[in-house]
């Protein structure tokens, strides 16, 4: 996530992916894409400036969400575009993200 406030999207797709796994008794283990949710759900919130997990569930039911890998894995239809960097400006060992990724 870096300095992008997308915890709402990552939390939502993580829970959705887990629900699919549980419902299928472990036969399906999708990695739903937080990037797809952030890019496509216009009513879920404000992208990097926060959003609503509840509205993300509504979006999933109405439109679906594609699969995509985690930040650490080069899987899915496209790699995650943001570099590892400090979370919301904290000094966790990563440098702040370039401004080009987070226009104000």
N, C-alpha and C. Protein backbone atom coordinates (compact mmCIF):
# COMPACT_ATOMS: atom_id res chain seq x y z
N UNK A 1 0.81 -1.20 0.00
CA UNK A 1 0.00 0.00 0.00
C UNK A 1 0.85 1.26 0.00
N UNK A 2 2.02 1.17 0.57
CA UNK A 2 2.85 2.36 0.66
C UNK A 2 2.12 3.46 1.41
N UNK A 3 2.19 4.68 0.90
CA UNK A 3 1.51 5.80 1.53
C UNK A 3 0.08 5.93 1.04
N UNK A 4 -0.34 5.04 0.21
CA UNK A 4 -1.70 5.05 -0.33
C UNK A 4 -2.64 4.40 0.69
N UNK A 5 -3.70 5.09 1.08
CA UNK A 5 -4.63 4.59 2.09
C UNK A 5 -5.63 3.60 1.53
N UNK A 6 -5.13 2.43 1.13
CA UNK A 6 -5.99 1.44 0.49
C UNK A 6 -6.27 0.23 1.37
N UNK A 7 -6.07 0.37 2.68
CA UNK A 7 -6.30 -0.77 3.57
C UNK A 7 -7.73 -1.29 3.44
N UNK A 8 -8.68 -0.40 3.17
CA UNK A 8 -10.08 -0.80 3.01
C UNK A 8 -10.24 -1.79 1.85
N UNK A 9 -9.52 -1.57 0.75
CA UNK A 9 -9.62 -2.45 -0.42
C UNK A 9 -8.90 -3.77 -0.17
N UNK A 10 -7.71 -3.72 0.43
CA UNK A 10 -6.97 -4.95 0.71
C UNK A 10 -7.70 -5.80 1.73
N UNK A 11 -8.27 -5.16 2.75
CA UNK A 11 -9.04 -5.90 3.75
C UNK A 11 -10.26 -6.56 3.14
N UNK A 12 -10.96 -5.82 2.28
CA UNK A 12 -12.17 -6.35 1.65
C UNK A 12 -11.86 -7.54 0.74
N UNK A 13 -10.88 -7.41 -0.16
CA UNK A 13 -10.60 -8.53 -1.07
C UNK A 13 -10.00 -9.71 -0.33
N UNK A 14 -9.28 -9.46 0.75
CA UNK A 14 -8.77 -10.57 1.56
C UNK A 14 -9.91 -11.37 2.17
N UNK A 15 -10.89 -10.67 2.72
CA UNK A 15 -12.05 -11.34 3.30
C UNK A 15 -12.87 -12.05 2.23
N UNK A 16 -13.04 -11.42 1.07
CA UNK A 16 -13.80 -12.04 -0.02
C UNK A 16 -13.12 -13.32 -0.48
N UNK A 17 -11.80 -13.25 -0.66
CA UNK A 17 -11.04 -14.43 -1.09
C UNK A 17 -11.19 -15.56 -0.07
N UNK A 18 -11.13 -15.22 1.21
CA UNK A 18 -11.30 -16.23 2.26
C UNK A 18 -12.70 -16.83 2.24
N UNK A 19 -13.72 -16.02 1.99
CA UNK A 19 -15.09 -16.53 1.95
C UNK A 19 -15.26 -17.53 0.81
N UNK A 20 -14.66 -17.24 -0.35
CA UNK A 20 -14.73 -18.18 -1.47
C UNK A 20 -14.05 -19.48 -1.10
N UNK A 21 -12.89 -19.41 -0.47
CA UNK A 21 -12.16 -20.61 -0.05
C UNK A 21 -12.98 -21.43 0.94
N UNK A 22 -13.55 -20.77 1.92
CA UNK A 22 -14.36 -21.48 2.92
C UNK A 22 -15.59 -22.10 2.28
N UNK A 23 -16.28 -21.34 1.43
CA UNK A 23 -17.50 -21.85 0.79
C UNK A 23 -17.20 -23.07 -0.09
N UNK A 24 -16.04 -23.07 -0.74
CA UNK A 24 -15.68 -24.18 -1.63
C UNK A 24 -14.96 -25.30 -0.89
N UNK A 25 -14.92 -25.21 0.44
CA UNK A 25 -14.23 -26.21 1.26
C UNK A 25 -12.76 -26.38 0.84
N UNK A 26 -12.13 -25.26 0.51
CA UNK A 26 -10.72 -25.27 0.16
C UNK A 26 -10.40 -25.62 -1.28
N UNK A 27 -11.41 -25.87 -2.10
CA UNK A 27 -11.16 -26.22 -3.49
C UNK A 27 -10.77 -25.01 -4.33
N UNK A 28 -11.25 -23.84 -3.95
CA UNK A 28 -10.92 -22.61 -4.68
C UNK A 28 -10.17 -21.68 -3.72
N UNK A 29 -9.03 -21.18 -4.18
CA UNK A 29 -8.23 -20.27 -3.36
C UNK A 29 -7.83 -19.05 -4.19
N UNK A 30 -8.82 -18.23 -4.53
CA UNK A 30 -8.51 -17.08 -5.38
C UNK A 30 -7.78 -15.98 -4.61
N UNK A 31 -7.09 -15.16 -5.35
CA UNK A 31 -6.49 -13.95 -4.81
C UNK A 31 -7.16 -12.80 -5.56
N UNK A 32 -8.26 -12.29 -5.02
CA UNK A 32 -8.97 -11.21 -5.69
C UNK A 32 -8.11 -9.95 -5.69
N UNK A 33 -8.28 -9.15 -6.70
CA UNK A 33 -7.40 -8.01 -6.95
C UNK A 33 -7.87 -6.72 -6.28
N UNK A 34 -7.08 -6.24 -5.33
CA UNK A 34 -7.35 -4.93 -4.72
C UNK A 34 -7.20 -3.83 -5.77
N UNK A 35 -6.27 -4.01 -6.68
CA UNK A 35 -6.06 -3.02 -7.73
C UNK A 35 -7.31 -2.87 -8.59
N UNK A 36 -7.94 -3.99 -8.94
CA UNK A 36 -9.17 -3.93 -9.74
C UNK A 36 -10.25 -3.17 -8.97
N UNK A 37 -10.40 -3.48 -7.71
CA UNK A 37 -11.39 -2.80 -6.88
C UNK A 37 -11.11 -1.30 -6.82
N UNK A 38 -9.87 -0.93 -6.59
CA UNK A 38 -9.49 0.49 -6.51
C UNK A 38 -9.72 1.22 -7.83
N UNK A 39 -9.44 0.55 -8.93
CA UNK A 39 -9.53 1.18 -10.24
C UNK A 39 -10.95 1.26 -10.78
N UNK A 40 -11.78 0.30 -10.44
CA UNK A 40 -13.07 0.18 -11.11
C UNK A 40 -14.29 0.56 -10.28
N UNK A 41 -14.21 0.49 -8.99
CA UNK A 41 -15.38 0.80 -8.16
C UNK A 41 -15.43 2.30 -7.88
N UNK A 42 -16.26 2.99 -8.65
CA UNK A 42 -16.34 4.44 -8.51
C UNK A 42 -17.11 4.89 -7.28
N UNK A 43 -17.95 4.02 -6.72
CA UNK A 43 -18.76 4.42 -5.56
C UNK A 43 -18.21 3.89 -4.24
N UNK A 44 -17.09 3.17 -4.28
CA UNK A 44 -16.54 2.56 -3.06
C UNK A 44 -15.83 3.55 -2.15
N UNK A 45 -15.32 4.61 -2.71
CA UNK A 45 -14.59 5.55 -1.88
C UNK A 45 -13.73 6.48 -2.70
N UNK A 46 -12.60 6.82 -2.14
CA UNK A 46 -11.72 7.81 -2.76
C UNK A 46 -10.35 7.21 -3.07
N UNK A 47 -10.30 5.95 -3.48
CA UNK A 47 -9.04 5.32 -3.87
C UNK A 47 -8.01 5.33 -2.76
N UNK A 48 -6.91 6.06 -2.96
CA UNK A 48 -5.83 6.14 -1.98
C UNK A 48 -6.19 6.98 -0.76
N UNK A 49 -7.33 7.61 -0.80
CA UNK A 49 -7.73 8.46 0.33
C UNK A 49 -8.81 7.79 1.17
N UNK A 50 -8.89 6.49 1.12
CA UNK A 50 -9.85 5.76 1.94
C UNK A 50 -11.08 5.32 1.17
N UNK A 51 -11.82 4.40 1.76
CA UNK A 51 -13.02 3.88 1.12
C UNK A 51 -13.80 3.01 2.07
N UNK A 52 -14.84 2.39 1.54
CA UNK A 52 -15.76 1.60 2.36
C UNK A 52 -15.69 0.11 2.01
N UNK A 53 -15.26 -0.73 2.96
CA UNK A 53 -15.29 -2.17 2.71
C UNK A 53 -16.70 -2.67 2.42
N UNK A 54 -17.71 -2.10 3.07
CA UNK A 54 -19.10 -2.54 2.83
C UNK A 54 -19.51 -2.27 1.39
N UNK A 55 -19.14 -1.11 0.86
CA UNK A 55 -19.46 -0.81 -0.54
C UNK A 55 -18.64 -1.69 -1.49
N UNK A 56 -17.44 -2.08 -1.06
CA UNK A 56 -16.63 -2.99 -1.87
C UNK A 56 -17.35 -4.33 -2.03
N UNK A 57 -18.00 -4.81 -0.97
CA UNK A 57 -18.77 -6.06 -1.06
C UNK A 57 -19.94 -5.89 -2.03
N UNK A 58 -20.61 -4.74 -1.98
CA UNK A 58 -21.70 -4.48 -2.93
C UNK A 58 -21.18 -4.52 -4.35
N UNK A 59 -20.01 -3.92 -4.58
CA UNK A 59 -19.41 -3.91 -5.91
C UNK A 59 -19.09 -5.33 -6.37
N UNK A 60 -18.53 -6.14 -5.48
CA UNK A 60 -18.19 -7.53 -5.81
C UNK A 60 -19.44 -8.28 -6.24
N UNK A 61 -20.53 -8.11 -5.50
CA UNK A 61 -21.78 -8.81 -5.84
C UNK A 61 -22.35 -8.34 -7.17
N UNK A 62 -22.25 -7.05 -7.47
CA UNK A 62 -22.86 -6.52 -8.69
C UNK A 62 -21.97 -6.64 -9.92
N UNK A 63 -20.66 -6.52 -9.75
CA UNK A 63 -19.77 -6.45 -10.91
C UNK A 63 -18.68 -7.51 -10.95
N UNK A 64 -18.37 -8.11 -9.80
CA UNK A 64 -17.27 -9.06 -9.75
C UNK A 64 -15.93 -8.35 -9.64
N UNK A 65 -14.91 -9.08 -9.22
CA UNK A 65 -13.55 -8.56 -9.10
C UNK A 65 -12.61 -9.61 -9.68
N UNK A 66 -11.69 -9.17 -10.54
CA UNK A 66 -10.75 -10.11 -11.15
C UNK A 66 -9.73 -10.58 -10.13
N UNK A 67 -9.03 -11.65 -10.47
CA UNK A 67 -7.97 -12.14 -9.59
C UNK A 67 -6.68 -11.39 -9.89
N UNK A 68 -5.80 -11.41 -8.92
CA UNK A 68 -4.49 -10.77 -9.06
C UNK A 68 -3.63 -11.20 -7.91
N UNK A 69 -2.35 -11.25 -8.10
CA UNK A 69 -1.45 -11.69 -7.06
C UNK A 69 -1.19 -10.64 -6.01
N UNK A 70 -0.49 -11.03 -4.97
CA UNK A 70 -0.11 -10.09 -3.93
C UNK A 70 1.08 -9.26 -4.40
N UNK A 71 1.42 -8.25 -3.62
CA UNK A 71 2.54 -7.38 -3.96
C UNK A 71 3.83 -8.17 -4.11
N UNK A 72 3.99 -9.21 -3.32
CA UNK A 72 5.23 -9.98 -3.32
C UNK A 72 5.33 -10.97 -4.48
N UNK A 73 4.20 -11.28 -5.15
CA UNK A 73 4.20 -12.29 -6.19
C UNK A 73 3.90 -11.67 -7.55
N UNK A 74 4.65 -12.05 -8.59
CA UNK A 74 4.38 -11.52 -9.92
C UNK A 74 3.29 -12.31 -10.64
N UNK A 75 2.14 -12.51 -9.98
CA UNK A 75 1.04 -13.27 -10.58
C UNK A 75 -0.12 -12.34 -10.89
N UNK A 76 -1.14 -12.88 -11.50
CA UNK A 76 -2.31 -12.08 -11.85
C UNK A 76 -2.13 -11.47 -13.22
N UNK A 77 -3.10 -10.66 -13.60
CA UNK A 77 -3.08 -10.10 -14.96
C UNK A 77 -2.09 -8.95 -15.11
N UNK A 78 -1.72 -8.31 -14.01
CA UNK A 78 -0.75 -7.21 -14.07
C UNK A 78 -0.06 -7.09 -12.72
N UNK A 79 1.21 -6.75 -12.72
CA UNK A 79 1.89 -6.58 -11.43
C UNK A 79 1.37 -5.35 -10.70
N UNK A 80 1.46 -5.34 -9.38
CA UNK A 80 1.03 -4.20 -8.58
C UNK A 80 1.93 -3.02 -8.92
N UNK A 81 1.37 -1.86 -9.26
CA UNK A 81 2.18 -0.76 -9.79
C UNK A 81 2.93 0.07 -8.76
N UNK A 82 2.67 -0.12 -7.47
CA UNK A 82 3.29 0.73 -6.47
C UNK A 82 4.50 0.04 -5.84
N UNK A 83 5.58 0.78 -5.64
CA UNK A 83 6.75 0.19 -4.99
C UNK A 83 6.52 0.05 -3.49
N UNK A 84 7.32 -0.81 -2.85
CA UNK A 84 7.29 -0.88 -1.39
C UNK A 84 7.80 0.46 -0.87
N UNK A 85 7.10 1.00 0.07
CA UNK A 85 7.53 2.25 0.66
C UNK A 85 6.82 2.45 1.99
N UNK A 86 7.16 3.50 2.68
CA UNK A 86 6.64 3.74 4.02
C UNK A 86 5.11 3.85 4.02
N UNK A 87 4.49 3.25 5.01
CA UNK A 87 3.03 3.27 5.13
C UNK A 87 2.58 4.58 5.76
N UNK A 88 1.80 5.34 5.03
CA UNK A 88 1.25 6.61 5.52
C UNK A 88 2.32 7.48 6.19
N UNK A 89 3.51 7.50 5.62
CA UNK A 89 4.56 8.36 6.11
C UNK A 89 5.35 7.83 7.30
N UNK A 90 5.08 6.63 7.75
CA UNK A 90 5.83 6.08 8.88
C UNK A 90 7.25 5.76 8.45
N UNK A 91 8.14 5.65 9.41
CA UNK A 91 9.52 5.33 9.07
C UNK A 91 9.77 3.85 9.34
N UNK A 92 9.17 3.00 8.53
CA UNK A 92 9.29 1.56 8.71
C UNK A 92 10.42 0.94 7.93
N UNK A 93 11.42 1.73 7.56
CA UNK A 93 12.54 1.17 6.83
C UNK A 93 12.45 1.36 5.33
N UNK A 94 11.29 1.80 4.83
CA UNK A 94 11.15 2.05 3.40
C UNK A 94 11.09 3.55 3.17
N UNK A 95 11.60 3.97 2.04
CA UNK A 95 11.56 5.40 1.72
C UNK A 95 10.14 5.82 1.34
N UNK A 96 9.83 7.11 1.42
CA UNK A 96 8.50 7.58 1.00
C UNK A 96 8.30 7.28 -0.48
N UNK A 97 7.07 7.04 -0.87
CA UNK A 97 6.77 6.74 -2.28
C UNK A 97 6.92 8.00 -3.13
N UNK A 98 7.31 7.82 -4.39
CA UNK A 98 7.43 8.96 -5.29
C UNK A 98 6.07 9.64 -5.47
N UNK A 99 6.06 10.95 -5.60
CA UNK A 99 4.83 11.72 -5.77
C UNK A 99 4.06 11.28 -7.02
N UNK A 100 4.76 10.81 -8.04
CA UNK A 100 4.09 10.40 -9.28
C UNK A 100 3.05 9.30 -9.06
N UNK A 101 3.20 8.49 -8.02
CA UNK A 101 2.24 7.43 -7.75
C UNK A 101 1.03 7.93 -6.97
N UNK A 102 1.17 9.05 -6.31
CA UNK A 102 0.12 9.55 -5.43
C UNK A 102 -0.14 11.02 -5.70
N UNK A 103 -0.74 11.35 -6.83
CA UNK A 103 -1.00 12.76 -7.11
C UNK A 103 -1.95 13.35 -6.07
N UNK A 104 -1.71 14.58 -5.71
CA UNK A 104 -2.56 15.23 -4.70
C UNK A 104 -3.76 15.89 -5.34
